[in-house]
Amino acid sequence: MSEIFKALADPTRRRVLQLLRERSMTAGELADHFSSSKATLSAHFSVLREAGLIAADKRGVTITYSLRLSVLEDALLAFAETFGFSLAGAKAPPKATPSGEGGR
């Protein structure tokens, strides 16, 4: 999970994920949205791939990236559960104990 949060820590990588949420894109199409060099963007893509957040499909010299949303969802659910939130199944929060019970 630490690789996922490392990947999400960078605003450029978060923007890549936002763009891929709309549709799969080639590396060149993604590069058109940034002023960074292609080498810098390639490093960002690598971090996202290593974290499992994006998939890369290489055909010839063209690489098309797509979002792996399930990996991101799983990481966010695990993170929420670390703090006692149970989002899987959307359980209602526990009800407060009515006054008068428990010695109050």
C-alpha atoms as a PDB file:
ATOM      1  CA  MET A   1       0.000   0.000   0.000  1.00  0.00           C
ATOM      2  CA  SER A   2       2.928   2.372   0.586  1.00  0.00           C
ATOM      3  CA  GLU A   3       3.762   2.283  -3.149  1.00  0.00           C
ATOM      4  CA  ILE A   4       0.224   3.436  -3.917  1.00  0.00           C
ATOM      5  CA  PHE A   5       0.402   6.373  -1.535  1.00  0.00           C
ATOM      6  CA  LYS A   6       3.874   7.277  -2.814  1.00  0.00           C
ATOM      7  CA  ALA A   7       2.402   7.352  -6.316  1.00  0.00           C
ATOM      8  CA  LEU A   8      -0.545   9.479  -5.181  1.00  0.00           C
ATOM      9  CA  ALA A   9       1.704  11.962  -3.356  1.00  0.00           C
ATOM     10  CA  ASP A  10       2.734  13.698  -6.570  1.00  0.00           C
ATOM     11  CA  PRO A  11       0.311  16.163  -8.225  1.00  0.00           C
ATOM     12  CA  THR A  12       1.461  15.224 -11.738  1.00  0.00           C
ATOM     13  CA  ARG A  13       0.705  11.557 -11.113  1.00  0.00           C
ATOM     14  CA  ARG A  14      -2.689  12.434  -9.629  1.00  0.00           C
ATOM     15  CA  ARG A  15      -3.446  14.454 -12.784  1.00  0.00           C
ATOM     16  CA  VAL A  16      -2.446  11.482 -14.961  1.00  0.00           C
ATOM     17  CA  LEU A  17      -4.931   9.344 -13.038  1.00  0.00           C
ATOM     18  CA  GLN A  18      -7.640  11.979 -13.516  1.00  0.00           C
ATOM     19  CA  LEU A  19      -7.008  12.028 -17.260  1.00  0.00           C
ATOM     20  CA  LEU A  20      -7.059   8.236 -17.479  1.00  0.00           C
ATOM     21  CA  ARG A  21     -10.321   8.174 -15.573  1.00  0.00           C
ATOM     22  CA  GLU A  22     -11.915   9.764 -18.637  1.00  0.00           C
ATOM     23  CA  ARG A  23     -10.402   7.260 -21.103  1.00  0.00           C
ATOM     24  CA  SER A  24      -7.293   5.264 -21.950  1.00  0.00           C
ATOM     25  CA  MET A  25      -4.588   7.384 -23.593  1.00  0.00           C
ATOM     26  CA  THR A  26      -1.284   6.926 -25.325  1.00  0.00           C
ATOM     27  CA  ALA A  27       1.861   8.303 -23.738  1.00  0.00           C
ATOM     28  CA  GLY A  28       1.872  11.061 -26.360  1.00  0.00           C
ATOM     29  CA  GLU A  29      -1.731  12.050 -25.636  1.00  0.00           C
ATOM     30  CA  LEU A  30      -0.938  12.263 -21.946  1.00  0.00           C
ATOM     31  CA  ALA A  31       2.225  14.256 -22.628  1.00  0.00           C
ATOM     32  CA  ASP A  32       0.146  16.877 -24.452  1.00  0.00           C
ATOM     33  CA  HIS A  33      -1.410  17.809 -21.087  1.00  0.00           C
ATOM     34  CA  PHE A  34       1.917  18.575 -19.379  1.00  0.00           C
ATOM     35  CA  SER A  35       4.894  20.858 -19.855  1.00  0.00           C
ATOM     36  CA  SER A  36       7.277  18.238 -18.409  1.00  0.00           C
ATOM     37  CA  SER A  37       9.782  16.411 -20.582  1.00  0.00           C
ATOM     38  CA  LYS A  38       8.874  12.990 -21.936  1.00  0.00           C
ATOM     39  CA  ALA A  39      11.612  11.449 -19.773  1.00  0.00           C
ATOM     40  CA  THR A  40      10.089  13.002 -16.643  1.00  0.00           C
ATOM     41  CA  LEU A  41       6.617  11.802 -17.609  1.00  0.00           C
ATOM     42  CA  SER A  42       7.980   8.338 -18.347  1.00  0.00           C
ATOM     43  CA  ALA A  43       9.328   8.225 -14.778  1.00  0.00           C
ATOM     44  CA  HIS A  44       5.878   9.201 -13.461  1.00  0.00           C
ATOM     45  CA  PHE A  45       4.245   6.479 -15.574  1.00  0.00           C
ATOM     46  CA  SER A  46       6.735   3.973 -14.188  1.00  0.00           C
ATOM     47  CA  VAL A  47       5.856   4.852 -10.577  1.00  0.00           C
ATOM     48  CA  LEU A  48       2.143   4.521 -11.370  1.00  0.00           C
ATOM     49  CA  ARG A  49       2.717   1.151 -13.093  1.00  0.00           C
ATOM     50  CA  GLU A  50       4.816  -0.181 -10.205  1.00  0.00           C
ATOM     51  CA  ALA A  51       2.039   0.802  -7.784  1.00  0.00           C
ATOM     52  CA  GLY A  52      -0.438  -1.099  -9.958  1.00  0.00           C
ATOM     53  CA  LEU A  53      -2.553   2.011 -10.568  1.00  0.00           C
ATOM     54  CA  ILE A  54      -2.199   1.963 -14.347  1.00  0.00           C
ATOM     55  CA  ALA A  55      -1.738  -0.704 -16.979  1.00  0.00           C
ATOM     56  CA  ALA A  56       0.428  -0.257 -20.060  1.00  0.00           C
ATOM     57  CA  ASP A  57      -0.386  -1.883 -23.390  1.00  0.00           C
ATOM     58  CA  LYS A  58       2.533  -1.666 -25.839  1.00  0.00           C
ATOM     59  CA  ARG A  59       1.788  -2.143 -29.527  1.00  0.00           C
ATOM     60  CA  GLY A  60       4.767  -1.458 -31.716  1.00  0.00           C
ATOM     61  CA  VAL A  61       6.234   1.829 -30.495  1.00  0.00           C
ATOM     62  CA  THR A  62       2.950   3.068 -28.999  1.00  0.00           C
ATOM     63  CA  ILE A  63       2.134   2.592 -25.317  1.00  0.00           C
ATOM     64  CA  THR A  64      -1.467   3.051 -24.249  1.00  0.00           C
ATOM     65  CA  TYR A  65      -2.129   3.573 -20.564  1.00  0.00           C
ATOM     66  CA  SER A  66      -5.348   2.756 -18.746  1.00  0.00           C
ATOM     67  CA  LEU A  67      -6.499   3.247 -15.175  1.00  0.00           C
ATOM     68  CA  ARG A  68      -6.743   0.229 -12.875  1.00  0.00           C
ATOM     69  CA  LEU A  69      -9.440   1.686 -10.669  1.00  0.00           C
ATOM     70  CA  SER A  70      -9.952  -1.480  -8.623  1.00  0.00           C
ATOM     71  CA  VAL A  71      -6.412  -1.204  -7.213  1.00  0.00           C
ATOM     72  CA  LEU A  72      -7.054   2.377  -6.127  1.00  0.00           C
ATOM     73  CA  GLU A  73     -10.422   1.462  -4.613  1.00  0.00           C
ATOM     74  CA  ASP A  74      -8.888  -1.433  -2.662  1.00  0.00           C
ATOM     75  CA  ALA A  75      -6.122   0.808  -1.300  1.00  0.00           C
ATOM     76  CA  LEU A  76      -8.559   3.502  -0.224  1.00  0.00           C
ATOM     77  CA  LEU A  77     -10.803   0.937   1.486  1.00  0.00           C
ATOM     78  CA  ALA A  78      -7.831  -0.551   3.341  1.00  0.00           C
ATOM     79  CA  PHE A  79      -6.691   2.925   4.372  1.00  0.00           C
ATOM     80  CA  ALA A  80     -10.172   3.812   5.657  1.00  0.00           C
ATOM     81  CA  GLU A  81     -10.378   0.550   7.602  1.00  0.00           C
ATOM     82  CA  THR A  82      -7.058   1.390   9.266  1.00  0.00           C
ATOM     83  CA  PHE A  83      -8.890   4.243  10.954  1.00  0.00           C
ATOM     84  CA  GLY A  84     -11.957   2.211  11.839  1.00  0.00           C
ATOM     85  CA  PHE A  85     -14.146   3.128   8.867  1.00  0.00           C
ATOM     86  CA  SER A  86     -15.918   0.219   7.223  1.00  0.00           C
ATOM     87  CA  LEU A  87     -16.840   1.321   3.719  1.00  0.00           C
ATOM     88  CA  ALA A  88     -17.246  -2.134   2.176  1.00  0.00           C
ATOM     89  CA  GLY A  89     -20.958  -2.703   2.453  1.00  0.00           C
ATOM     90  CA  ALA A  90     -21.637   0.890   3.537  1.00  0.00           C
ATOM     91  CA  LYS A  91     -22.499   0.061   7.113  1.00  0.00           C
ATOM     92  CA  ALA A  92     -24.137   2.788   9.143  1.00  0.00           C
ATOM     93  CA  PRO A  93     -22.031   4.293  11.928  1.00  0.00           C
ATOM     94  CA  PRO A  94     -22.717   2.887  15.407  1.00  0.00           C
ATOM     95  CA  LYS A  95     -25.540   4.617  17.226  1.00  0.00           C
ATOM     96  CA  ALA A  96     -24.783   6.643  20.303  1.00  0.00           C
ATOM     97  CA  THR A  97     -25.774   5.100  23.607  1.00  0.00           C
ATOM     98  CA  PRO A  98     -28.968   6.786  24.831  1.00  0.00           C
ATOM     99  CA  SER A  99     -28.524   8.771  28.019  1.00  0.00           C
ATOM    100  CA  GLY A 100     -29.587   6.802  31.029  1.00  0.00           C
ATOM    101  CA  GLU A 101     -27.838   3.616  29.845  1.00  0.00           C
ATOM    102  CA  GLY A 102     -24.347   2.752  30.971  1.00  0.00           C
ATOM    103  CA  GLY A 103     -24.612   4.714  34.238  1.00  0.00           C
ATOM    104  CA  ARG A 104     -25.219   8.141  32.735  1.00  0.00           C
END
